[in-house]
N, C-alpha and C. Protein backbone atom coordinates (compact mmCIF):
# COMPACT_ATOMS: atom_id res chain seq x y z
N MET A 1 -5.89 15.24 4.55
CA MET A 1 -4.58 15.60 4.03
C MET A 1 -4.65 15.72 2.51
N GLU A 2 -3.94 16.69 1.97
CA GLU A 2 -3.94 16.95 0.54
C GLU A 2 -3.14 15.87 -0.19
N LEU A 3 -3.69 15.42 -1.33
CA LEU A 3 -2.98 14.42 -2.12
C LEU A 3 -1.79 15.04 -2.82
N THR A 4 -0.72 14.26 -2.93
CA THR A 4 0.46 14.71 -3.66
C THR A 4 0.73 13.70 -4.77
N LEU A 5 1.40 14.16 -5.80
CA LEU A 5 1.84 13.24 -6.84
C LEU A 5 2.90 12.33 -6.25
N ILE A 6 2.90 11.09 -6.65
CA ILE A 6 3.92 10.16 -6.17
C ILE A 6 5.26 10.58 -6.76
N PRO A 7 6.26 10.83 -5.92
CA PRO A 7 7.57 11.20 -6.47
C PRO A 7 8.15 10.07 -7.32
N LEU A 8 8.89 10.44 -8.33
CA LEU A 8 9.59 9.45 -9.15
C LEU A 8 10.69 8.81 -8.32
N TRP A 9 11.07 7.59 -8.70
CA TRP A 9 12.19 6.95 -8.02
C TRP A 9 13.44 7.80 -8.21
N SER A 10 14.26 7.83 -7.20
CA SER A 10 15.55 8.50 -7.31
C SER A 10 16.48 7.63 -8.16
N HIS A 11 17.68 8.13 -8.43
CA HIS A 11 18.66 7.33 -9.18
C HIS A 11 19.04 6.07 -8.39
N GLN A 12 18.70 6.03 -7.10
CA GLN A 12 18.99 4.87 -6.27
C GLN A 12 17.83 3.86 -6.29
N GLY A 13 16.77 4.16 -7.08
CA GLY A 13 15.65 3.24 -7.23
C GLY A 13 14.65 3.25 -6.09
N ILE A 14 14.60 4.35 -5.34
CA ILE A 14 13.69 4.44 -4.20
C ILE A 14 12.85 5.72 -4.30
N ILE A 15 11.76 5.74 -3.56
CA ILE A 15 10.98 6.97 -3.41
C ILE A 15 11.76 7.87 -2.45
N PRO A 16 12.06 9.11 -2.85
CA PRO A 16 12.78 9.99 -1.93
C PRO A 16 11.96 10.21 -0.65
N PRO A 17 12.62 10.24 0.51
CA PRO A 17 11.87 10.40 1.76
C PRO A 17 11.36 11.83 1.97
N ILE A 18 12.02 12.81 1.34
CA ILE A 18 11.65 14.21 1.49
C ILE A 18 11.81 14.91 0.15
N ASP A 19 11.32 16.12 0.07
CA ASP A 19 11.54 16.98 -1.09
C ASP A 19 12.92 17.61 -0.91
N GLU A 20 13.91 17.11 -1.64
CA GLU A 20 15.28 17.57 -1.43
C GLU A 20 15.45 19.07 -1.71
N SER A 21 14.58 19.64 -2.57
CA SER A 21 14.68 21.07 -2.86
C SER A 21 14.07 21.93 -1.74
N ASP A 22 13.30 21.29 -0.86
CA ASP A 22 12.67 21.99 0.26
C ASP A 22 12.56 21.01 1.44
N PRO A 23 13.69 20.71 2.09
CA PRO A 23 13.75 19.63 3.08
C PRO A 23 12.82 19.76 4.28
N THR A 24 12.34 20.97 4.59
CA THR A 24 11.43 21.13 5.73
C THR A 24 9.97 21.21 5.29
N SER A 25 9.70 21.00 4.02
CA SER A 25 8.34 21.03 3.49
C SER A 25 7.51 19.90 4.09
N PRO A 26 6.20 20.12 4.25
CA PRO A 26 5.34 19.01 4.70
C PRO A 26 5.14 17.95 3.62
N THR A 27 5.61 18.21 2.41
CA THR A 27 5.57 17.20 1.34
C THR A 27 6.70 16.22 1.59
N ARG A 28 6.35 15.11 2.20
CA ARG A 28 7.34 14.12 2.61
C ARG A 28 6.67 12.77 2.83
N SER A 29 7.47 11.77 3.06
CA SER A 29 6.97 10.43 3.31
C SER A 29 6.34 10.35 4.70
N PRO A 30 5.22 9.64 4.82
CA PRO A 30 4.51 8.91 3.76
C PRO A 30 3.70 9.88 2.90
N TYR A 31 3.87 9.76 1.58
CA TYR A 31 3.19 10.63 0.63
C TYR A 31 1.73 10.23 0.51
N SER A 32 0.84 11.19 0.71
CA SER A 32 -0.59 10.93 0.63
C SER A 32 -1.02 10.92 -0.83
N THR A 33 -1.55 9.80 -1.28
CA THR A 33 -1.96 9.63 -2.67
C THR A 33 -3.27 8.86 -2.71
N ASP A 34 -3.68 8.37 -3.87
CA ASP A 34 -4.88 7.52 -3.94
C ASP A 34 -4.58 6.29 -4.78
N VAL A 35 -5.50 5.33 -4.75
CA VAL A 35 -5.24 4.06 -5.43
C VAL A 35 -5.14 4.22 -6.94
N ARG A 36 -5.78 5.22 -7.50
CA ARG A 36 -5.64 5.44 -8.95
C ARG A 36 -4.20 5.80 -9.30
N GLN A 37 -3.61 6.70 -8.51
CA GLN A 37 -2.23 7.07 -8.77
C GLN A 37 -1.27 5.91 -8.55
N VAL A 38 -1.55 5.08 -7.55
CA VAL A 38 -0.70 3.91 -7.30
C VAL A 38 -0.74 2.99 -8.52
N VAL A 39 -1.93 2.70 -9.04
CA VAL A 39 -2.05 1.85 -10.22
C VAL A 39 -1.38 2.52 -11.42
N ASP A 40 -1.64 3.81 -11.60
CA ASP A 40 -1.07 4.52 -12.74
C ASP A 40 0.46 4.47 -12.73
N ARG A 41 1.06 4.66 -11.57
CA ARG A 41 2.52 4.71 -11.48
C ARG A 41 3.17 3.33 -11.57
N TYR A 42 2.55 2.32 -10.94
CA TYR A 42 3.27 1.06 -10.74
C TYR A 42 2.79 -0.12 -11.59
N SER A 43 1.81 0.08 -12.46
CA SER A 43 1.34 -1.03 -13.32
C SER A 43 2.17 -1.10 -14.60
N THR A 44 3.46 -1.33 -14.43
CA THR A 44 4.40 -1.28 -15.55
C THR A 44 4.80 -2.64 -16.10
N THR A 45 4.49 -3.71 -15.39
CA THR A 45 4.79 -5.07 -15.85
C THR A 45 3.61 -5.98 -15.47
N ILE A 46 3.55 -7.14 -16.10
CA ILE A 46 2.50 -8.10 -15.76
C ILE A 46 2.61 -8.50 -14.29
N GLU A 47 3.85 -8.71 -13.81
CA GLU A 47 4.04 -9.10 -12.41
C GLU A 47 3.55 -8.02 -11.46
N ARG A 48 3.82 -6.78 -11.78
CA ARG A 48 3.34 -5.68 -10.94
C ARG A 48 1.81 -5.59 -11.01
N CYS A 49 1.24 -5.84 -12.18
CA CYS A 49 -0.22 -5.86 -12.29
C CYS A 49 -0.82 -6.95 -11.42
N ASP A 50 -0.17 -8.11 -11.36
CA ASP A 50 -0.65 -9.20 -10.51
C ASP A 50 -0.70 -8.76 -9.05
N VAL A 51 0.35 -8.09 -8.58
CA VAL A 51 0.40 -7.62 -7.19
C VAL A 51 -0.69 -6.57 -6.96
N LEU A 52 -0.83 -5.64 -7.89
CA LEU A 52 -1.86 -4.60 -7.74
C LEU A 52 -3.26 -5.20 -7.74
N GLU A 53 -3.47 -6.22 -8.56
CA GLU A 53 -4.78 -6.90 -8.59
C GLU A 53 -5.08 -7.51 -7.22
N GLY A 54 -4.09 -8.15 -6.61
CA GLY A 54 -4.27 -8.72 -5.28
C GLY A 54 -4.53 -7.66 -4.23
N PHE A 55 -3.79 -6.56 -4.31
CA PHE A 55 -3.97 -5.44 -3.39
C PHE A 55 -5.39 -4.89 -3.48
N LEU A 56 -5.88 -4.65 -4.70
CA LEU A 56 -7.23 -4.12 -4.87
C LEU A 56 -8.29 -5.13 -4.43
N ALA A 57 -8.05 -6.42 -4.68
CA ALA A 57 -8.99 -7.46 -4.26
C ALA A 57 -9.06 -7.53 -2.73
N HIS A 58 -7.92 -7.39 -2.08
CA HIS A 58 -7.90 -7.40 -0.61
C HIS A 58 -8.65 -6.18 -0.07
N ARG A 59 -8.41 -5.01 -0.67
CA ARG A 59 -9.15 -3.81 -0.26
C ARG A 59 -10.65 -4.02 -0.44
N ALA A 60 -11.04 -4.66 -1.54
CA ALA A 60 -12.47 -4.91 -1.78
C ALA A 60 -13.07 -5.78 -0.68
N GLU A 61 -12.32 -6.75 -0.20
CA GLU A 61 -12.81 -7.60 0.90
C GLU A 61 -12.95 -6.78 2.18
N VAL A 62 -12.00 -5.92 2.45
CA VAL A 62 -12.07 -5.05 3.63
C VAL A 62 -13.30 -4.14 3.52
N HIS A 63 -13.52 -3.57 2.34
CA HIS A 63 -14.68 -2.70 2.13
C HIS A 63 -15.99 -3.49 2.28
N ARG A 64 -16.00 -4.74 1.79
CA ARG A 64 -17.20 -5.58 1.90
C ARG A 64 -17.61 -5.76 3.36
N MET A 65 -16.63 -5.80 4.24
CA MET A 65 -16.92 -5.94 5.67
C MET A 65 -17.48 -4.65 6.27
N GLY A 66 -17.39 -3.55 5.53
CA GLY A 66 -17.86 -2.26 6.03
C GLY A 66 -16.76 -1.39 6.60
N ILE A 67 -15.51 -1.82 6.42
CA ILE A 67 -14.37 -1.06 6.94
C ILE A 67 -13.90 -0.11 5.84
N THR A 68 -14.21 1.18 6.02
CA THR A 68 -13.88 2.17 4.98
C THR A 68 -13.23 3.42 5.53
N SER A 69 -13.02 3.48 6.84
CA SER A 69 -12.44 4.67 7.46
C SER A 69 -11.04 4.34 7.97
N GLY A 70 -10.09 5.13 7.53
CA GLY A 70 -8.71 4.92 7.92
C GLY A 70 -7.80 5.11 6.72
N PHE A 71 -6.62 4.53 6.81
CA PHE A 71 -5.66 4.67 5.71
C PHE A 71 -4.72 3.47 5.71
N GLN A 72 -4.01 3.32 4.59
CA GLN A 72 -3.04 2.24 4.44
C GLN A 72 -1.70 2.85 4.07
N TRP A 73 -0.65 2.36 4.70
CA TRP A 73 0.71 2.72 4.30
C TRP A 73 1.20 1.60 3.39
N LEU A 74 1.76 1.97 2.24
CA LEU A 74 2.22 1.01 1.23
C LEU A 74 3.73 1.09 1.11
N ASP A 75 4.37 -0.07 1.14
CA ASP A 75 5.83 -0.08 1.11
C ASP A 75 6.34 -1.41 0.58
N GLY A 76 7.59 -1.66 0.83
CA GLY A 76 8.23 -2.89 0.41
C GLY A 76 8.91 -2.74 -0.94
N SER A 77 9.42 -3.84 -1.45
CA SER A 77 10.13 -3.79 -2.73
C SER A 77 9.23 -3.32 -3.86
N PHE A 78 7.90 -3.48 -3.69
CA PHE A 78 6.98 -3.01 -4.72
C PHE A 78 7.12 -1.52 -4.95
N MET A 79 7.41 -0.77 -3.90
CA MET A 79 7.53 0.68 -4.01
C MET A 79 8.92 1.12 -4.45
N GLU A 80 9.80 0.15 -4.71
CA GLU A 80 11.16 0.43 -5.16
C GLU A 80 11.31 -0.07 -6.60
N ASP A 81 12.37 0.36 -7.24
CA ASP A 81 12.70 -0.17 -8.56
C ASP A 81 13.49 -1.46 -8.35
N VAL A 82 12.78 -2.44 -7.81
CA VAL A 82 13.41 -3.71 -7.44
C VAL A 82 13.95 -4.43 -8.67
N GLU A 83 13.34 -4.17 -9.82
CA GLU A 83 13.84 -4.78 -11.06
C GLU A 83 15.28 -4.33 -11.32
N MET A 84 15.57 -3.04 -11.09
CA MET A 84 16.92 -2.52 -11.26
C MET A 84 17.81 -2.87 -10.07
N LEU A 85 17.26 -2.76 -8.87
CA LEU A 85 18.06 -2.98 -7.66
C LEU A 85 18.46 -4.44 -7.46
N LEU A 86 17.51 -5.35 -7.68
CA LEU A 86 17.76 -6.77 -7.39
C LEU A 86 17.60 -7.69 -8.60
N GLY A 87 17.21 -7.11 -9.74
CA GLY A 87 17.09 -7.91 -10.96
C GLY A 87 15.92 -8.89 -10.93
N ARG A 88 14.85 -8.54 -10.22
CA ARG A 88 13.67 -9.41 -10.15
C ARG A 88 12.43 -8.55 -10.00
N PRO A 89 11.25 -9.11 -10.33
CA PRO A 89 10.01 -8.36 -10.10
C PRO A 89 9.62 -8.44 -8.62
N PRO A 90 8.77 -7.52 -8.16
CA PRO A 90 8.30 -7.60 -6.77
C PRO A 90 7.37 -8.79 -6.59
N ASN A 91 7.44 -9.42 -5.42
CA ASN A 91 6.59 -10.58 -5.14
C ASN A 91 5.26 -10.19 -4.51
N ASP A 92 5.26 -9.05 -3.81
CA ASP A 92 4.07 -8.63 -3.07
C ASP A 92 4.20 -7.15 -2.74
N MET A 93 3.20 -6.63 -2.06
CA MET A 93 3.20 -5.25 -1.57
C MET A 93 3.04 -5.31 -0.06
N ASP A 94 3.85 -4.55 0.66
CA ASP A 94 3.72 -4.46 2.11
C ASP A 94 2.66 -3.41 2.43
N VAL A 95 1.71 -3.76 3.29
CA VAL A 95 0.61 -2.86 3.63
C VAL A 95 0.36 -2.93 5.14
N VAL A 96 0.37 -1.77 5.79
CA VAL A 96 -0.12 -1.70 7.16
C VAL A 96 -1.36 -0.81 7.11
N MET A 97 -2.47 -1.33 7.62
CA MET A 97 -3.74 -0.63 7.57
C MET A 97 -4.09 -0.10 8.96
N PHE A 98 -4.24 1.22 9.04
CA PHE A 98 -4.71 1.88 10.25
C PHE A 98 -6.20 2.10 10.04
N ALA A 99 -7.03 1.31 10.71
CA ALA A 99 -8.46 1.31 10.40
C ALA A 99 -9.33 1.56 11.61
N ASP A 100 -10.41 2.28 11.34
CA ASP A 100 -11.47 2.47 12.32
C ASP A 100 -12.46 1.34 12.10
N ILE A 101 -12.53 0.42 13.04
CA ILE A 101 -13.45 -0.72 12.92
C ILE A 101 -14.49 -0.58 14.03
N PRO A 102 -15.67 -0.06 13.68
CA PRO A 102 -16.72 0.11 14.71
C PRO A 102 -17.05 -1.23 15.37
N LEU A 103 -17.47 -1.16 16.63
CA LEU A 103 -17.79 -2.36 17.40
C LEU A 103 -18.82 -3.23 16.70
N ALA A 104 -19.83 -2.63 16.08
CA ALA A 104 -20.87 -3.41 15.39
C ALA A 104 -20.27 -4.23 14.25
N ILE A 105 -19.32 -3.65 13.52
CA ILE A 105 -18.66 -4.39 12.43
C ILE A 105 -17.78 -5.48 13.02
N GLU A 106 -17.02 -5.13 14.04
CA GLU A 106 -16.13 -6.11 14.68
C GLU A 106 -16.92 -7.32 15.17
N GLN A 107 -18.10 -7.09 15.76
CA GLN A 107 -18.91 -8.19 16.28
C GLN A 107 -19.56 -9.01 15.17
N SER A 108 -19.68 -8.45 13.98
CA SER A 108 -20.33 -9.17 12.88
C SER A 108 -19.35 -9.92 11.98
N LEU A 109 -18.05 -9.82 12.26
CA LEU A 109 -17.06 -10.46 11.41
C LEU A 109 -17.20 -11.98 11.45
N GLN A 110 -17.16 -12.58 10.28
CA GLN A 110 -17.21 -14.03 10.14
C GLN A 110 -15.78 -14.58 10.17
N PRO A 111 -15.61 -15.90 10.35
CA PRO A 111 -14.26 -16.47 10.41
C PRO A 111 -13.39 -16.10 9.19
N LEU A 112 -13.96 -16.11 7.99
CA LEU A 112 -13.18 -15.72 6.81
C LEU A 112 -12.76 -14.26 6.90
N ASP A 113 -13.64 -13.41 7.41
CA ASP A 113 -13.32 -11.99 7.56
C ASP A 113 -12.12 -11.81 8.50
N VAL A 114 -12.13 -12.53 9.60
CA VAL A 114 -11.03 -12.45 10.56
C VAL A 114 -9.73 -12.89 9.89
N LYS A 115 -9.81 -13.96 9.08
CA LYS A 115 -8.63 -14.44 8.36
C LYS A 115 -8.12 -13.36 7.41
N ILE A 116 -9.02 -12.68 6.71
CA ILE A 116 -8.66 -11.64 5.75
C ILE A 116 -8.00 -10.45 6.45
N LEU A 117 -8.30 -10.26 7.73
CA LEU A 117 -7.74 -9.13 8.48
C LEU A 117 -6.51 -9.49 9.32
N THR A 118 -6.31 -10.77 9.63
CA THR A 118 -5.27 -11.09 10.60
C THR A 118 -4.28 -12.18 10.20
N ASN A 119 -4.59 -13.02 9.23
CA ASN A 119 -3.71 -14.15 8.90
C ASN A 119 -2.76 -13.75 7.78
N ASN A 120 -1.63 -13.17 8.18
CA ASN A 120 -0.69 -12.62 7.22
C ASN A 120 -0.26 -13.63 6.16
N HIS A 121 0.09 -14.85 6.56
CA HIS A 121 0.58 -15.85 5.59
C HIS A 121 -0.51 -16.18 4.56
N TRP A 122 -1.74 -16.33 5.02
CA TRP A 122 -2.85 -16.63 4.11
C TRP A 122 -3.12 -15.45 3.18
N ILE A 123 -3.08 -14.24 3.73
CA ILE A 123 -3.32 -13.02 2.93
C ILE A 123 -2.25 -12.91 1.85
N LYS A 124 -1.01 -13.13 2.24
CA LYS A 124 0.11 -13.02 1.28
C LYS A 124 -0.03 -14.05 0.17
N ALA A 125 -0.41 -15.26 0.53
CA ALA A 125 -0.56 -16.33 -0.47
C ALA A 125 -1.73 -16.07 -1.41
N ASN A 126 -2.79 -15.47 -0.91
CA ASN A 126 -4.00 -15.29 -1.72
C ASN A 126 -4.13 -13.93 -2.38
N TYR A 127 -3.47 -12.91 -1.83
CA TYR A 127 -3.63 -11.54 -2.36
C TYR A 127 -2.32 -10.84 -2.72
N LYS A 128 -1.18 -11.51 -2.47
CA LYS A 128 0.13 -10.88 -2.73
C LYS A 128 0.31 -9.60 -1.92
N VAL A 129 -0.22 -9.60 -0.70
CA VAL A 129 -0.13 -8.47 0.21
C VAL A 129 0.45 -8.96 1.53
N ASP A 130 1.56 -8.37 1.94
CA ASP A 130 2.15 -8.63 3.25
C ASP A 130 1.47 -7.64 4.19
N PHE A 131 0.46 -8.11 4.94
CA PHE A 131 -0.54 -7.23 5.56
C PHE A 131 -0.47 -7.22 7.08
N TYR A 132 -0.62 -6.01 7.62
CA TYR A 132 -0.65 -5.81 9.06
C TYR A 132 -1.77 -4.83 9.39
N LEU A 133 -2.47 -5.07 10.49
CA LEU A 133 -3.60 -4.26 10.91
C LEU A 133 -3.29 -3.54 12.21
N VAL A 134 -3.59 -2.22 12.22
CA VAL A 134 -3.55 -1.44 13.45
C VAL A 134 -4.92 -0.81 13.59
N GLU A 135 -5.62 -1.16 14.67
CA GLU A 135 -6.95 -0.58 14.89
C GLU A 135 -6.79 0.80 15.53
N LEU A 136 -7.48 1.79 14.96
CA LEU A 136 -7.38 3.15 15.46
C LEU A 136 -8.03 3.32 16.83
N SER A 137 -8.76 2.32 17.28
CA SER A 137 -9.43 2.41 18.58
C SER A 137 -8.53 2.03 19.75
N VAL A 138 -7.29 1.60 19.48
CA VAL A 138 -6.40 1.26 20.60
C VAL A 138 -6.09 2.54 21.38
N ASN A 139 -5.60 2.39 22.61
CA ASN A 139 -5.34 3.59 23.41
C ASN A 139 -4.26 4.45 22.75
N PRO A 140 -4.26 5.76 23.01
CA PRO A 140 -3.36 6.68 22.32
C PRO A 140 -1.88 6.31 22.42
N GLU A 141 -1.44 5.85 23.58
CA GLU A 141 -0.02 5.49 23.74
C GLU A 141 0.35 4.35 22.81
N THR A 142 -0.52 3.34 22.75
CA THR A 142 -0.25 2.19 21.88
C THR A 142 -0.27 2.61 20.42
N LEU A 143 -1.21 3.48 20.05
CA LEU A 143 -1.29 3.95 18.66
C LEU A 143 -0.02 4.71 18.28
N ILE A 144 0.48 5.54 19.17
CA ILE A 144 1.72 6.27 18.90
C ILE A 144 2.89 5.29 18.78
N GLU A 145 2.96 4.32 19.68
CA GLU A 145 4.05 3.34 19.62
C GLU A 145 4.01 2.54 18.31
N LEU A 146 2.81 2.10 17.90
CA LEU A 146 2.69 1.33 16.67
C LEU A 146 3.00 2.18 15.43
N SER A 147 2.54 3.41 15.43
CA SER A 147 2.83 4.31 14.31
C SER A 147 4.33 4.56 14.19
N THR A 148 4.97 4.79 15.33
CA THR A 148 6.41 5.02 15.35
C THR A 148 7.14 3.78 14.87
N TYR A 149 6.69 2.62 15.32
CA TYR A 149 7.31 1.36 14.89
C TYR A 149 7.26 1.22 13.38
N TRP A 150 6.04 1.36 12.81
CA TRP A 150 5.90 1.16 11.37
C TRP A 150 6.63 2.23 10.58
N TYR A 151 6.60 3.48 11.04
CA TYR A 151 7.34 4.52 10.34
C TYR A 151 8.84 4.18 10.35
N SER A 152 9.33 3.78 11.50
CA SER A 152 10.75 3.43 11.62
C SER A 152 11.11 2.24 10.73
N MET A 153 10.24 1.24 10.70
CA MET A 153 10.49 0.06 9.87
C MET A 153 10.53 0.41 8.39
N TRP A 154 9.62 1.26 7.97
CA TRP A 154 9.44 1.50 6.53
C TRP A 154 10.18 2.71 6.00
N SER A 155 10.78 3.50 6.83
CA SER A 155 11.49 4.67 6.34
C SER A 155 12.94 4.36 5.97
N HIS A 156 13.34 3.10 6.12
CA HIS A 156 14.69 2.68 5.77
C HIS A 156 14.67 1.32 5.09
N ARG A 157 15.59 1.14 4.16
CA ARG A 157 15.80 -0.18 3.56
C ARG A 157 16.65 -1.00 4.55
N ARG A 158 16.77 -2.29 4.28
CA ARG A 158 17.60 -3.13 5.16
C ARG A 158 19.05 -2.69 5.14
N THR A 159 19.44 -1.98 4.10
CA THR A 159 20.80 -1.45 4.00
C THR A 159 20.97 -0.18 4.84
N LEU A 160 19.92 0.23 5.54
CA LEU A 160 19.86 1.44 6.36
C LEU A 160 19.73 2.72 5.53
N GLN A 161 19.49 2.58 4.23
CA GLN A 161 19.27 3.73 3.36
C GLN A 161 17.89 4.30 3.62
N TRP A 162 17.82 5.60 3.84
CA TRP A 162 16.56 6.30 4.10
C TRP A 162 15.74 6.30 2.82
N LYS A 163 14.41 6.06 2.93
CA LYS A 163 13.55 6.03 1.75
C LYS A 163 12.13 6.45 2.13
N GLY A 164 11.32 6.68 1.10
CA GLY A 164 9.94 7.07 1.31
C GLY A 164 8.97 5.95 1.04
N PHE A 165 7.72 6.17 1.43
CA PHE A 165 6.64 5.23 1.14
C PHE A 165 5.35 6.03 1.00
N LEU A 166 4.24 5.33 0.73
CA LEU A 166 2.99 5.99 0.37
C LEU A 166 1.90 5.77 1.41
N SER A 167 0.90 6.66 1.39
CA SER A 167 -0.28 6.53 2.23
C SER A 167 -1.51 6.73 1.35
N VAL A 168 -2.46 5.78 1.43
CA VAL A 168 -3.73 5.91 0.69
C VAL A 168 -4.89 5.80 1.67
N ARG A 169 -5.93 6.60 1.45
CA ARG A 169 -7.12 6.53 2.28
C ARG A 169 -7.80 5.18 2.04
N LEU A 170 -8.46 4.69 3.06
CA LEU A 170 -9.18 3.42 2.97
C LEU A 170 -10.51 3.58 2.24
N ASP A 171 -11.01 4.78 2.14
CA ASP A 171 -12.27 5.06 1.44
C ASP A 171 -12.25 4.43 0.05
N PRO A 172 -13.33 3.71 -0.34
CA PRO A 172 -13.34 2.99 -1.61
C PRO A 172 -13.68 3.85 -2.84
N GLY A 173 -13.75 5.17 -2.68
CA GLY A 173 -14.22 6.04 -3.74
C GLY A 173 -13.52 5.90 -5.07
N PHE A 174 -12.22 5.59 -5.09
CA PHE A 174 -11.48 5.52 -6.34
C PHE A 174 -11.10 4.09 -6.73
N ASP A 175 -11.54 3.11 -5.96
CA ASP A 175 -11.10 1.74 -6.23
C ASP A 175 -11.60 1.20 -7.56
N GLN A 176 -12.84 1.50 -7.94
CA GLN A 176 -13.34 1.00 -9.22
C GLN A 176 -12.57 1.60 -10.39
N GLU A 177 -12.27 2.91 -10.31
CA GLU A 177 -11.47 3.54 -11.37
C GLU A 177 -10.09 2.92 -11.43
N ALA A 178 -9.50 2.64 -10.27
CA ALA A 178 -8.18 2.02 -10.22
C ALA A 178 -8.22 0.63 -10.85
N SER A 179 -9.27 -0.13 -10.54
CA SER A 179 -9.42 -1.48 -11.09
C SER A 179 -9.60 -1.45 -12.61
N THR A 180 -10.39 -0.50 -13.09
CA THR A 180 -10.58 -0.35 -14.54
C THR A 180 -9.26 0.00 -15.21
N LEU A 181 -8.53 0.95 -14.65
CA LEU A 181 -7.23 1.34 -15.20
C LEU A 181 -6.27 0.16 -15.20
N LEU A 182 -6.28 -0.63 -14.13
CA LEU A 182 -5.40 -1.79 -14.06
C LEU A 182 -5.73 -2.78 -15.17
N GLY A 183 -7.01 -3.01 -15.44
CA GLY A 183 -7.40 -3.91 -16.53
C GLY A 183 -6.90 -3.42 -17.87
N ILE A 184 -6.98 -2.12 -18.10
CA ILE A 184 -6.49 -1.53 -19.36
C ILE A 184 -4.98 -1.72 -19.47
N ARG A 185 -4.26 -1.42 -18.39
CA ARG A 185 -2.80 -1.55 -18.41
C ARG A 185 -2.37 -3.00 -18.64
N ARG A 186 -3.06 -3.93 -17.97
CA ARG A 186 -2.72 -5.34 -18.15
C ARG A 186 -2.90 -5.75 -19.60
N GLN A 187 -4.01 -5.33 -20.22
CA GLN A 187 -4.26 -5.67 -21.62
C GLN A 187 -3.19 -5.08 -22.53
N GLU A 188 -2.81 -3.83 -22.28
CA GLU A 188 -1.75 -3.19 -23.07
C GLU A 188 -0.44 -3.97 -22.96
N LEU A 189 -0.08 -4.38 -21.75
CA LEU A 189 1.15 -5.14 -21.55
C LEU A 189 1.09 -6.50 -22.23
N GLN A 190 -0.06 -7.16 -22.16
CA GLN A 190 -0.22 -8.46 -22.84
C GLN A 190 -0.14 -8.29 -24.35
N ASN A 191 -0.71 -7.21 -24.88
CA ASN A 191 -0.63 -6.95 -26.32
C ASN A 191 0.81 -6.71 -26.75
N GLU A 192 1.59 -6.01 -25.92
CA GLU A 192 3.01 -5.77 -26.23
C GLU A 192 3.79 -7.06 -26.28
N GLN A 193 3.42 -8.04 -25.45
CA GLN A 193 4.13 -9.31 -25.41
C GLN A 193 3.82 -10.20 -26.61
N ASN A 194 2.65 -9.98 -27.23
CA ASN A 194 2.24 -10.83 -28.38
C ASN A 194 2.74 -10.30 -29.70
């Protein structure tokens, strides 16, 4: 899928779910982007940098296991202007990972690896990621049901307001650039505070 620029927040503080100027366009949520663009757009405060650092660290652990095929949907208050909407910084990033986990990798997972992939509370505490895993190897009906569930969950706020979210490939090709950019942004923000 072709990468798109991350749409700016609407006046309502959310990612628009569709291109309002062309409502039937394939440019719509979930917007396909990459981790560099995510860092570039959302590394605007120290708190947001902390969340992004956890997100990239969690991805690095997934890549270390050999899991590099698939994609992640990114959502939650992190993808909203929660500072304007609720007067607070985001606490974490919501991530559902649709991953191809070959049997050889699955059989080689160590207990810590399983925790990194399945223990949501531990992941959230250690990486600031509210994380869910969907294996692409499940039967087609289950995959469709899970995809529909997550799309339905993430395409609306709790207020029932329709909103957009992002999709990034699991491939680690841009993660080092994203990490470097995040370090630069964090330093700039710290310099502004001093």
